[in-house]
Amino acid sequence: MSGCRRRRAPRTAVLLLSLLLAATACTGGGAELPAPLPSGPAEISGGTAVDALPEELRIAVPGPPRRPPARICDDAATLDGPGVQPPGSIAVGVDDDLDHLTAANPARSVFWLRSGVHRLKKSVVPKDGNTYIGAPGAIVDGENRLNIAFWEEYFRRSVDDVTLAHLTIQNFTASSEDQGAVYAGTGWTISHSTFRNNGYIALFAGSHNTIRYSCFDSNGQLGVGTYRLDGKPSSDIVVDRNEFRRNNTRRLSECGCAGGMKWWEAQRGSFTNNWVHGNNGPGVWADNNNIDMLFEGNFINDNTGQGIFYEISYNFMIRGNSFVRNALERGARETSNFPMAAVYISEAGGVDVPGFRFATSEIAYNYFEDNWDGVALWESGNRYAGVDGGDATPSYGDRTRWKTQNILVHHNEFRMNKENARCVGRLTCGRNGLFSDWVPVPGPPLVPNTSHDEYQIAVSFKQNNVFQNNMYAGEWLFVAYDQSLTYGWTTWRDPRPDPLGLFTYAAPEPYGFAQDAGSSMS
């Protein structure tokens, strides 16, 4: 399993924008009613590895949240806007034409939408600096016939610095998979709003967007995606204190196109203090040339797929998050030995690129409880630029292939109760992993021939991937070297690595992996 393969995007005018997932092949049925939220507790039960640190270190280290930091979707006090018209604003009644009022007024106008259902007849094209703010109960409704609520018309230019606040945006169908109900330009702010029951992707975020205190509930494909304008990666997007729940109601296949949120070719993104739960598929996914990404302070629980999936991308910090009961559905369906991890890193890691916040990649100070598996660091031996006409070209480091390298996994707490994880008697759960796969000789076109086990040796011993100073409780095993091989605590920690390259698939046992120095198992 090396992540999804993507088909080439058709070169239409709209798709020249390189929308987030326009190159993702996904299948699924029609819209379904939202599934009930999982009934497990949304809080962690144990202590944390941070608590075990000396006091002087605890002060500087962010601990994982013990309960969700952003309970937004059912919080009227957070979501309701002003009940009195703000001075200088333009009042919009439920029967008024919002797009016409926008066109008739200058840029930087403020529109106050009165309480009630505003059934749009036409998509709204804002002007630079406009603000749209809702009174309590203000709903912008597409009635399952209009594709888009707010956008830059035909993406002719970026509409900048728009604010959407205290609105409920619902029932916009979008035209197909990978299309959105709202397309945000540069510098937009989305706050205190609800996006629900939209056909595919609720919100496409652009560069320098701030998304906060909002609810993304029961959307057909994704709550939020990112996209490119003018051929440039999206950058400096802040997603803070939002709730993502029950997204991907269409149950599109887990191919990189559905779940809570999807980052695509983003730089300096921040995903902090969010509650991500009950989504069909991964909670949050970053794919294709993302770099300098921060995931911190989130409570991520009961998603059917991975909690965080970081794929063919670069320097990241996954720090101080709580992961509870993720990938239980996906893990129970898996028939191979491949881990279904709460944090899954696929052909990604640290590269030396100046000018970014993070010089390496770390998974640190997180709490893991009763997920199907914990952390999996995986590198496919066949993940090269342009393979099958799908994978993009790496932007940094080795420009021909993607590598899992320079990743430090430290000061995390891993707890496993197989009864809670519904995998009693199974060896294919409760695992961390560091592994690759056997590849044929010769390699793909334009790539030097490789030995059968070159990538297994590299990811396991030579690419600076290190687990250390972690705490384990319960039954834990370790997938290492090859996805078919599982080891116990002793071999995983044995300080006799493979300095001479003698470790082979046929005779792996004489050597250990020298991992988890300073860690404990109870």
Protein backbone atom coordinates (compact mmCIF):
# COMPACT_ATOMS: atom_id res chain seq x y z
CA MET A 1 0.00 0.00 0.00
CA SER A 2 1.77 3.13 -1.16
CA GLY A 3 -1.01 5.69 -1.05
CA CYS A 4 -3.35 6.35 -3.92
CA ARG A 5 -2.43 6.62 -7.56
CA ARG A 6 -3.91 9.65 -9.27
CA ARG A 7 -5.12 10.05 -12.81
CA ARG A 8 -4.00 13.03 -14.86
CA ALA A 9 -6.23 16.08 -14.66
CA PRO A 10 -7.88 17.23 -17.89
CA ARG A 11 -6.47 20.53 -19.04
CA THR A 12 -9.60 22.62 -18.93
CA ALA A 13 -9.60 26.29 -18.00
CA VAL A 14 -10.90 25.67 -14.52
CA LEU A 15 -8.56 22.80 -13.82
CA LEU A 16 -5.57 24.94 -14.75
CA LEU A 17 -5.95 26.11 -11.18
CA SER A 18 -4.73 22.70 -10.02
CA LEU A 19 -7.60 22.20 -7.63
CA LEU A 20 -6.81 20.09 -4.63
CA LEU A 21 -8.02 16.76 -5.81
CA ALA A 22 -8.75 17.18 -9.47
CA ALA A 23 -6.22 14.47 -10.12
CA THR A 24 -7.61 11.97 -7.64
CA ALA A 25 -9.56 8.93 -8.75
CA CYS A 26 -12.35 8.15 -6.29
CA THR A 27 -15.47 6.09 -6.45
CA GLY A 28 -18.52 5.94 -4.29
CA GLY A 29 -22.26 5.85 -4.19
CA GLY A 30 -24.82 8.58 -3.90
CA ALA A 31 -25.37 10.86 -0.93
CA GLU A 32 -26.30 9.19 2.32
CA LEU A 33 -27.73 10.42 5.57
CA PRO A 34 -25.09 11.36 8.13
CA ALA A 35 -23.98 8.46 10.27
CA PRO A 36 -24.46 8.72 14.02
CA LEU A 37 -21.37 9.86 15.85
CA PRO A 38 -19.39 7.16 17.65
CA SER A 39 -20.43 6.61 21.24
CA GLY A 40 -16.96 6.25 22.79
CA PRO A 41 -15.74 8.85 25.28
CA ALA A 42 -14.16 11.95 23.77
CA GLU A 43 -11.43 12.23 26.36
CA ILE A 44 -8.22 10.43 27.19
CA SER A 45 -8.10 8.04 30.10
CA GLY A 46 -4.42 7.79 31.01
CA GLY A 47 -1.54 10.02 31.92
CA THR A 48 0.74 11.35 29.24
CA ALA A 49 4.40 11.09 28.40
CA VAL A 50 4.61 14.84 28.92
CA ASP A 51 3.56 14.38 32.55
CA ALA A 52 6.60 12.16 33.07
CA LEU A 53 9.04 14.85 31.95
CA PRO A 54 11.01 16.93 34.45
CA GLU A 55 9.18 20.06 35.51
CA GLU A 56 11.56 22.38 33.67
CA LEU A 57 10.80 20.57 30.39
CA ARG A 58 7.06 20.31 30.92
CA ILE A 59 6.79 24.09 31.02
CA ALA A 60 8.15 24.35 27.46
CA VAL A 61 6.41 21.31 25.96
CA PRO A 62 2.77 21.40 24.79
CA GLY A 63 0.82 18.51 26.24
CA PRO A 64 -1.89 16.73 24.25
CA PRO A 65 -5.46 17.82 24.98
CA ARG A 66 -7.30 15.55 27.41
CA ARG A 67 -10.64 16.46 25.83
CA PRO A 68 -11.72 18.17 22.60
CA PRO A 69 -10.53 21.79 22.46
CA ALA A 70 -13.22 22.92 20.00
CA ARG A 71 -16.82 21.83 20.62
CA ILE A 72 -18.30 24.08 17.97
CA CYS A 73 -21.10 22.38 16.04
CA ASP A 74 -23.71 22.43 18.81
CA ASP A 75 -22.59 25.67 20.43
CA ALA A 76 -25.03 28.43 19.54
CA ALA A 77 -23.16 30.92 21.73
CA THR A 78 -20.12 30.54 19.46
CA LEU A 79 -21.93 30.34 16.12
CA ASP A 80 -24.68 32.97 16.46
CA GLY A 81 -23.94 36.40 15.03
CA PRO A 82 -25.16 39.84 16.06
CA GLY A 83 -28.91 40.17 16.47
CA VAL A 84 -28.74 43.90 15.76
CA GLN A 85 -27.59 45.30 12.44
CA PRO A 86 -23.95 46.49 12.71
CA PRO A 87 -23.51 50.22 12.00
CA GLY A 88 -22.65 50.97 8.40
CA SER A 89 -23.67 47.54 7.13
CA ILE A 90 -26.16 46.67 4.39
CA ALA A 91 -29.11 44.61 5.63
CA VAL A 92 -30.02 41.59 3.49
CA GLY A 93 -33.48 40.07 3.82
CA VAL A 94 -34.25 36.47 3.03
CA ASP A 95 -35.93 37.49 -0.24
CA ASP A 96 -33.17 39.84 -1.37
CA ASP A 97 -30.74 38.95 -4.17
CA LEU A 98 -27.38 38.77 -2.40
CA ASP A 99 -25.33 38.57 -5.59
CA HIS A 100 -27.13 41.61 -7.04
CA LEU A 101 -26.56 43.60 -3.83
CA THR A 102 -22.89 42.63 -3.92
CA ALA A 103 -22.51 43.80 -7.52
CA ALA A 104 -24.33 47.06 -6.81
CA ASN A 105 -22.14 48.08 -3.87
CA PRO A 106 -18.45 49.01 -3.67
CA ALA A 107 -15.62 46.81 -2.48
CA ARG A 108 -15.19 46.45 1.29
CA SER A 109 -18.92 46.61 1.91
CA VAL A 110 -20.36 44.81 4.94
CA PHE A 111 -23.53 42.74 4.42
CA TRP A 112 -25.63 41.68 7.42
CA LEU A 113 -27.85 38.72 6.57
CA ARG A 114 -31.05 38.71 8.60
CA SER A 115 -32.23 35.59 10.40
CA GLY A 116 -33.88 32.97 8.22
CA VAL A 117 -33.13 30.94 5.10
CA HIS A 118 -31.52 32.85 2.23
CA ARG A 119 -32.16 30.68 -0.84
CA LEU A 120 -29.61 31.77 -3.40
CA LYS A 121 -30.66 31.87 -7.03
CA LYS A 122 -27.13 32.61 -8.20
CA SER A 123 -23.65 32.14 -6.78
CA VAL A 124 -22.24 35.21 -5.04
CA VAL A 125 -19.06 36.78 -6.45
CA PRO A 126 -17.66 39.02 -3.70
CA LYS A 127 -15.52 42.10 -4.15
CA ASP A 128 -12.19 42.64 -2.45
CA GLY A 129 -12.55 43.21 1.28
CA ASN A 130 -16.27 42.40 1.50
CA THR A 131 -17.71 41.00 4.73
CA TYR A 132 -20.78 38.76 4.98
CA ILE A 133 -22.01 38.33 8.53
CA GLY A 134 -25.11 36.53 9.70
CA ALA A 135 -27.68 37.28 12.39
CA PRO A 136 -28.62 34.35 14.63
CA GLY A 137 -30.10 31.60 12.43
CA ALA A 138 -28.93 33.11 9.12
CA ILE A 139 -28.70 30.26 6.59
CA VAL A 140 -27.37 30.44 3.04
CA ASP A 141 -29.03 27.54 1.21
CA GLY A 142 -28.34 26.08 -2.24
CA GLU A 143 -31.48 23.88 -2.05
CA ASN A 144 -29.49 21.02 -3.60
CA ARG A 145 -29.66 22.67 -7.01
CA LEU A 146 -27.00 25.43 -6.91
CA ASN A 147 -23.38 24.31 -7.04
CA ILE A 148 -21.49 27.18 -5.40
CA ALA A 149 -22.32 29.72 -2.69
CA PHE A 150 -19.32 32.13 -2.83
CA TRP A 151 -16.51 32.10 -5.36
CA GLU A 152 -14.21 33.96 -7.71
CA GLU A 153 -16.28 33.84 -10.88
CA TYR A 154 -14.72 31.30 -13.24
CA PHE A 155 -11.48 31.88 -11.30
CA ARG A 156 -10.67 34.87 -13.51
CA ARG A 157 -8.76 36.57 -10.72
CA SER A 158 -8.23 36.31 -7.00
CA VAL A 159 -10.87 38.09 -4.91
CA ASP A 160 -8.96 38.97 -1.75
CA ASP A 161 -9.58 39.64 1.94
CA VAL A 162 -13.21 38.53 2.14
CA THR A 163 -14.79 37.57 5.49
CA LEU A 164 -17.58 35.06 6.02
CA ALA A 165 -18.80 34.96 9.62
CA HIS A 166 -21.74 33.57 11.60
CA LEU A 167 -23.33 31.92 8.57
CA THR A 168 -24.67 28.44 7.94
CA ILE A 169 -23.83 27.36 4.38
CA GLN A 170 -25.72 24.25 3.36
CA ASN A 171 -27.09 22.13 0.53
CA PHE A 172 -24.78 23.28 -2.26
CA THR A 173 -24.37 20.35 -4.57
CA ALA A 174 -21.13 21.21 -6.42
CA SER A 175 -20.97 19.71 -9.88
CA SER A 176 -18.94 16.59 -9.12
CA GLU A 177 -16.31 15.08 -6.88
CA ASP A 178 -13.44 17.41 -5.96
CA GLN A 179 -15.62 20.53 -6.37
CA GLY A 180 -16.53 22.94 -3.60
CA ALA A 181 -19.41 24.96 -2.19
CA VAL A 182 -17.11 27.91 -1.39
CA TYR A 183 -13.85 28.86 -3.16
CA ALA A 184 -11.85 31.27 -1.04
CA GLY A 185 -9.31 33.64 -2.55
CA THR A 186 -6.19 35.05 -0.90
CA GLY A 187 -6.54 36.46 2.59
CA TRP A 188 -10.06 35.22 3.34
CA THR A 189 -11.30 34.74 6.90
CA ILE A 190 -13.91 32.09 7.67
CA SER A 191 -15.12 32.23 11.25
CA HIS A 192 -17.95 31.13 13.53
CA SER A 193 -19.77 29.47 10.63
CA THR A 194 -21.32 26.09 9.85
CA PHE A 195 -20.84 24.17 6.60
CA ARG A 196 -23.20 21.19 6.46
CA ASN A 197 -24.81 18.81 4.02
CA ASN A 198 -22.94 20.13 1.00
CA GLY A 199 -22.59 17.69 -1.86
CA TYR A 200 -18.84 17.30 -2.04
CA ILE A 201 -16.23 19.68 -0.54
CA ALA A 202 -17.60 22.37 1.73
CA LEU A 203 -14.72 24.88 1.51
CA PHE A 204 -11.68 25.25 -0.70
CA ALA A 205 -9.12 27.41 1.14
CA GLY A 206 -6.62 29.71 -0.57
CA SER A 207 -3.36 31.28 0.58
CA HIS A 208 -3.29 33.30 3.78
CA ASN A 209 -6.74 32.07 4.80
CA THR A 210 -7.76 31.87 8.44
CA ILE A 211 -10.44 29.30 9.30
CA ARG A 212 -11.51 29.32 12.93
CA TYR A 213 -14.35 28.51 15.30
CA SER A 214 -16.34 26.83 12.53
CA CYS A 215 -18.22 23.56 12.14
CA PHE A 216 -17.81 21.23 9.14
CA ASP A 217 -20.53 18.64 9.48
CA SER A 218 -21.86 15.88 7.21
CA ASN A 219 -20.46 17.14 3.91
CA GLY A 220 -20.40 14.66 1.05
CA GLN A 221 -16.63 14.46 0.49
CA LEU A 222 -14.52 16.79 2.67
CA GLY A 223 -14.98 19.57 5.15
CA VAL A 224 -12.02 21.61 3.85
CA GLY A 225 -9.57 21.26 0.97
CA THR A 226 -6.79 23.49 -0.31
CA TYR A 227 -6.14 24.49 -3.90
CA ARG A 228 -3.77 26.46 -6.09
CA LEU A 229 -4.32 29.82 -7.76
CA ASP A 230 -2.20 30.98 -10.69
CA GLY A 231 -0.14 27.80 -10.50
CA LYS A 232 1.25 28.65 -7.07
CA PRO A 233 1.08 26.44 -3.97
CA SER A 234 -1.28 27.59 -1.25
CA SER A 235 0.61 29.03 1.70
CA ASP A 236 0.15 30.24 5.27
CA ILE A 237 -3.31 28.75 5.85
CA VAL A 238 -4.36 28.67 9.51
CA VAL A 239 -7.04 26.17 10.55
CA ASP A 240 -7.64 26.69 14.28
CA ARG A 241 -10.36 25.67 16.75
CA ASN A 242 -12.81 24.08 14.34
CA GLU A 243 -14.87 20.92 14.56
CA PHE A 244 -14.85 18.39 11.72
CA ARG A 245 -17.42 15.62 12.08
CA ARG A 246 -19.22 13.04 9.92
CA ASN A 247 -17.74 14.26 6.64
CA ASN A 248 -17.63 12.02 3.56
CA THR A 249 -21.28 11.02 3.89
CA ARG A 250 -21.03 9.64 0.36
CA ARG A 251 -18.45 7.19 1.69
CA LEU A 252 -16.18 7.77 -1.28
CA SER A 253 -13.40 5.24 -1.34
CA GLU A 254 -10.33 6.02 0.75
CA CYS A 255 -8.10 7.04 -2.13
CA GLY A 256 -6.97 10.45 -0.94
CA CYS A 257 -10.14 12.31 -1.85
CA ALA A 258 -12.33 12.20 1.24
CA GLY A 259 -12.41 12.58 5.02
CA GLY A 260 -12.22 15.56 7.35
CA MET A 261 -9.68 17.84 5.63
CA LYS A 262 -7.22 17.46 2.74
CA TRP A 263 -4.10 19.59 2.27
CA TRP A 264 -2.67 19.68 -1.23
CA GLU A 265 0.67 21.28 -2.19
CA ALA A 266 0.58 23.69 0.76
CA GLN A 267 3.38 25.55 2.53
CA ARG A 268 3.55 26.72 6.14
CA GLY A 269 0.10 25.40 6.98
CA SER A 270 -1.12 25.20 10.57
CA PHE A 271 -3.79 22.79 11.80
CA THR A 272 -4.22 23.49 15.50
CA ASN A 273 -6.67 22.94 18.36
CA ASN A 274 -9.32 21.26 16.22
CA TRP A 275 -11.70 18.43 17.08
CA VAL A 276 -11.72 15.89 14.24
CA HIS A 277 -14.06 12.97 14.82
CA GLY A 278 -16.42 10.51 13.21
CA ASN A 279 -15.30 11.20 9.64
CA ASN A 280 -15.43 8.47 7.00
CA GLY A 281 -11.81 8.10 5.96
CA PRO A 282 -8.77 9.94 7.36
CA GLY A 283 -9.29 12.75 9.80
CA VAL A 284 -6.77 15.01 8.04
CA TRP A 285 -4.63 14.20 5.02
CA ALA A 286 -1.69 16.10 3.49
CA ASP A 287 -0.63 14.96 0.03
CA ASN A 288 1.80 16.07 -2.71
CA ASN A 289 4.64 18.50 -1.98
CA ASN A 290 3.36 19.95 1.27
CA ILE A 291 6.14 21.41 3.38
CA ASP A 292 6.55 23.06 6.80
CA MET A 293 3.23 21.81 8.17
CA LEU A 294 2.20 22.02 11.83
CA PHE A 295 -0.39 19.73 13.45
CA GLU A 296 -0.68 20.64 17.12
CA GLY A 297 -3.17 20.48 19.97
CA ASN A 298 -5.83 18.55 18.05
CA PHE A 299 -8.16 15.89 19.45
CA ILE A 300 -8.61 13.31 16.69
CA ASN A 301 -10.90 10.38 17.43
CA ASP A 302 -13.14 7.72 15.93
CA ASN A 303 -12.35 8.37 12.27
CA THR A 304 -12.75 5.26 10.13
CA GLY A 305 -9.30 5.83 8.59
CA GLN A 306 -6.04 7.28 9.85
CA GLY A 307 -6.01 10.26 12.18
CA ILE A 308 -3.25 12.07 10.24
CA PHE A 309 -1.97 10.83 6.89
CA TYR A 310 1.12 12.66 5.55
CA GLU A 311 2.05 11.61 2.01
CA ILE A 312 4.79 12.48 -0.55
CA SER A 313 5.57 15.68 1.32
CA TYR A 314 8.21 17.28 3.48
CA ASN A 315 9.11 18.77 6.85
CA PHE A 316 6.31 18.50 9.38
CA MET A 317 5.66 18.81 13.10
CA ILE A 318 2.97 16.55 14.59
CA ARG A 319 3.08 17.61 18.22
CA GLY A 320 0.87 17.51 21.29
CA ASN A 321 -2.18 15.84 19.73
CA SER A 322 -4.50 13.16 21.12
CA PHE A 323 -5.42 10.18 18.90
CA VAL A 324 -8.20 7.91 20.15
CA ARG A 325 -9.83 4.92 18.39
CA ASN A 326 -8.84 5.86 14.85
CA ALA A 327 -8.80 3.43 11.89
CA LEU A 328 -10.78 0.73 13.72
CA GLU A 329 -13.10 0.23 10.75
CA ARG A 330 -10.32 0.38 8.18
CA GLY A 331 -8.07 -1.88 10.23
CA ALA A 332 -10.73 -4.52 10.71
CA ARG A 333 -11.14 -4.73 6.92
CA GLU A 334 -7.42 -4.99 6.16
CA THR A 335 -6.38 -8.50 5.14
CA SER A 336 -2.62 -7.90 4.83
CA ASN A 337 -0.04 -7.17 7.52
CA PHE A 338 0.05 -3.48 6.58
CA PRO A 339 -0.53 -1.27 9.66
CA MET A 340 -3.57 0.97 9.75
CA ALA A 341 -1.99 3.66 11.89
CA ALA A 342 -3.33 6.68 13.70
CA VAL A 343 -0.38 8.59 12.18
CA TYR A 344 0.66 7.26 8.78
CA ILE A 345 3.72 8.73 7.02
CA SER A 346 4.08 7.64 3.41
CA GLU A 347 7.18 8.64 1.40
CA ALA A 348 7.61 11.85 3.38
CA GLY A 349 10.07 13.32 5.82
CA GLY A 350 12.72 15.92 6.51
CA VAL A 351 14.83 17.71 3.92
CA ASP A 352 17.31 20.55 4.33
CA VAL A 353 15.47 23.54 2.88
CA PRO A 354 16.17 27.02 4.33
CA GLY A 355 13.45 29.51 5.05
CA PHE A 356 10.87 27.25 6.71
CA ARG A 357 9.89 26.77 10.36
CA PHE A 358 10.83 23.10 10.59
CA ALA A 359 14.19 21.79 9.43
CA THR A 360 13.26 18.15 10.11
CA SER A 361 10.12 16.12 10.78
CA GLU A 362 8.91 15.12 14.24
CA ILE A 363 6.08 13.15 15.83
CA ALA A 364 6.37 14.23 19.44
CA TYR A 365 4.48 14.58 22.74
CA ASN A 366 1.33 12.96 21.37
CA TYR A 367 -1.08 10.61 23.14
CA PHE A 368 -2.34 7.45 21.42
CA GLU A 369 -5.11 5.34 22.93
CA ASP A 370 -6.84 2.27 21.42
CA ASN A 371 -6.20 3.14 17.79
CA TRP A 372 -5.89 0.15 15.44
CA ASP A 373 -2.16 0.92 15.16
CA GLY A 374 0.07 3.75 16.35
CA VAL A 375 2.69 5.31 14.02
CA ALA A 376 3.71 3.83 10.66
CA LEU A 377 6.68 5.16 8.68
CA TRP A 378 6.44 3.60 5.24
CA GLU A 379 8.38 4.03 2.00
CA SER A 380 7.23 2.39 -1.19
CA GLY A 381 10.05 1.10 -3.36
CA ASN A 382 8.05 2.09 -6.44
CA ARG A 383 7.10 5.69 -5.62
CA TYR A 384 8.91 7.73 -8.26
CA ALA A 385 8.12 10.97 -10.02
CA GLY A 386 5.66 10.34 -12.81
CA VAL A 387 5.10 6.63 -12.13
CA ASP A 388 1.94 5.47 -13.93
CA GLY A 389 1.51 9.03 -15.15
CA GLY A 390 0.26 9.95 -11.71
CA ASP A 391 2.76 11.01 -9.07
CA ALA A 392 3.92 14.60 -9.21
CA THR A 393 7.59 15.60 -9.29
CA PRO A 394 9.27 16.01 -5.88
CA SER A 395 9.97 19.68 -5.20
CA TYR A 396 12.87 19.25 -2.80
CA GLY A 397 15.73 16.86 -2.05
CA ASP A 398 15.91 13.85 -4.39
CA ARG A 399 13.91 15.06 -7.39
CA THR A 400 13.38 11.55 -8.79
CA ARG A 401 11.81 9.67 -5.89
CA TRP A 402 10.02 10.17 -2.60
CA LYS A 403 11.72 9.10 0.64
CA THR A 404 10.71 8.51 4.24
CA GLN A 405 13.68 10.04 6.04
CA ASN A 406 14.88 12.21 8.91
CA ILE A 407 11.86 11.57 11.14
CA LEU A 408 12.12 11.61 14.93
CA VAL A 409 9.32 9.90 16.90
CA HIS A 410 9.77 10.79 20.56
CA HIS A 411 8.09 11.41 23.91
CA ASN A 412 4.78 9.92 22.79
CA GLU A 413 2.54 7.73 24.90
CA PHE A 414 1.10 4.63 23.22
CA ARG A 415 -1.71 2.79 25.04
CA MET A 416 -3.50 -0.25 23.69
CA ASN A 417 -6.44 -2.20 25.07
CA LYS A 418 -7.39 -4.69 22.35
CA GLU A 419 -10.87 -5.12 23.75
CA ASN A 420 -11.54 -1.41 23.34
CA ALA A 421 -10.01 -1.49 19.86
CA ARG A 422 -12.14 -4.52 18.94
CA CYS A 423 -9.14 -6.61 17.88
CA VAL A 424 -8.78 -9.18 20.68
CA GLY A 425 -6.76 -12.20 19.54
CA ARG A 426 -5.33 -10.46 16.47
CA LEU A 427 -1.64 -9.78 15.88
CA THR A 428 -2.40 -7.24 13.15
CA CYS A 429 -3.22 -4.38 15.51
CA GLY A 430 -1.35 -2.56 18.24
CA ARG A 431 1.76 -1.93 16.13
CA ASN A 432 4.23 0.75 15.22
CA GLY A 433 6.15 0.41 11.97
CA LEU A 434 9.27 1.37 10.02
CA PHE A 435 9.40 -0.51 6.72
CA SER A 436 9.42 -0.65 2.93
CA ASP A 437 8.74 -3.36 0.35
CA TRP A 438 10.62 -5.67 -1.97
CA VAL A 439 10.99 -4.16 -5.44
CA PRO A 440 11.82 -5.76 -8.78
CA VAL A 441 15.05 -5.29 -10.72
CA PRO A 442 15.45 -3.18 -12.79
CA GLY A 443 13.75 -0.12 -11.34
CA PRO A 444 11.31 2.22 -13.11
CA PRO A 445 12.40 4.10 -16.24
CA LEU A 446 15.07 6.78 -15.77
CA VAL A 447 15.89 5.42 -12.31
CA PRO A 448 19.07 3.40 -11.62
CA ASN A 449 18.61 -0.30 -11.04
CA THR A 450 18.21 -1.31 -7.42
CA SER A 451 18.75 -4.44 -5.40
CA HIS A 452 15.64 -6.23 -4.24
CA ASP A 453 15.93 -4.92 -0.68
CA GLU A 454 17.68 -1.57 -1.14
CA TYR A 455 14.74 0.50 0.12
CA GLN A 456 14.00 -1.81 3.04
CA ILE A 457 17.60 -1.42 4.21
CA ALA A 458 17.58 2.33 3.60
CA VAL A 459 14.39 3.18 5.48
CA SER A 460 15.23 0.84 8.35
CA PHE A 461 18.90 1.70 8.90
CA LYS A 462 20.23 4.53 6.75
CA GLN A 463 17.71 7.37 6.51
CA ASN A 464 17.81 8.69 10.06
CA ASN A 465 14.36 7.50 11.15
CA VAL A 466 14.41 7.24 14.94
CA PHE A 467 11.96 6.21 17.67
CA GLN A 468 13.10 7.15 21.19
CA ASN A 469 11.90 8.10 24.68
CA ASN A 470 8.35 6.83 24.16
CA MET A 471 6.04 5.14 26.68
CA TYR A 472 4.11 1.97 25.77
CA ALA A 473 1.30 0.32 27.72
CA GLY A 474 -0.53 -2.84 26.62
CA GLU A 475 0.26 -5.26 23.81
CA TRP A 476 2.57 -3.78 21.16
CA LEU A 477 4.42 -5.27 18.19
CA PHE A 478 6.56 -3.68 15.47
CA VAL A 479 6.43 -4.03 11.68
CA ALA A 480 9.99 -3.47 10.48
CA TYR A 481 12.10 -3.76 7.36
CA ASP A 482 9.36 -5.36 5.23
CA GLN A 483 5.59 -5.03 5.58
CA SER A 484 5.30 -8.80 6.01
CA LEU A 485 7.65 -8.95 9.02
CA THR A 486 6.56 -8.33 12.61
CA TYR A 487 8.88 -8.24 15.62
CA GLY A 488 8.68 -8.00 19.38
CA TRP A 489 10.06 -5.44 21.78
CA THR A 490 13.49 -7.10 22.15
CA THR A 491 14.40 -7.25 18.44
CA TRP A 492 12.95 -3.79 17.82
CA ARG A 493 15.26 -2.33 20.50
CA ASP A 494 18.31 -4.57 20.03
CA PRO A 495 21.28 -2.18 19.69
CA ARG A 496 22.90 -4.28 16.99
CA PRO A 497 21.83 -2.55 13.79
CA ASP A 498 23.01 -3.52 10.33
CA PRO A 499 26.14 -1.44 9.65
CA LEU A 500 27.45 -3.80 6.98
CA GLY A 501 24.26 -4.20 4.95
CA LEU A 502 23.97 -7.89 5.78
CA PHE A 503 20.34 -7.73 6.85
CA THR A 504 18.20 -9.49 4.23
CA TYR A 505 14.62 -10.53 3.86
CA ALA A 506 15.71 -14.17 3.98
CA ALA A 507 17.81 -13.82 7.16
CA PRO A 508 16.65 -10.84 9.24
CA GLU A 509 16.87 -12.30 12.73
CA PRO A 510 20.56 -11.83 13.63
CA TYR A 511 20.12 -8.07 13.71
CA GLY A 512 17.97 -5.73 15.71
CA PHE A 513 16.72 -2.29 14.77
CA ALA A 514 18.21 -0.21 17.60
CA GLN A 515 14.93 1.69 18.00
CA ASP A 516 13.16 3.16 21.05
CA ALA A 517 16.23 3.90 23.13
CA GLY A 518 15.10 5.41 26.41
CA SER A 519 11.55 4.08 25.92
CA SER A 520 9.54 1.91 28.32
CA MET A 521 7.00 -0.91 27.92
CA SER A 522 4.48 -1.87 30.60
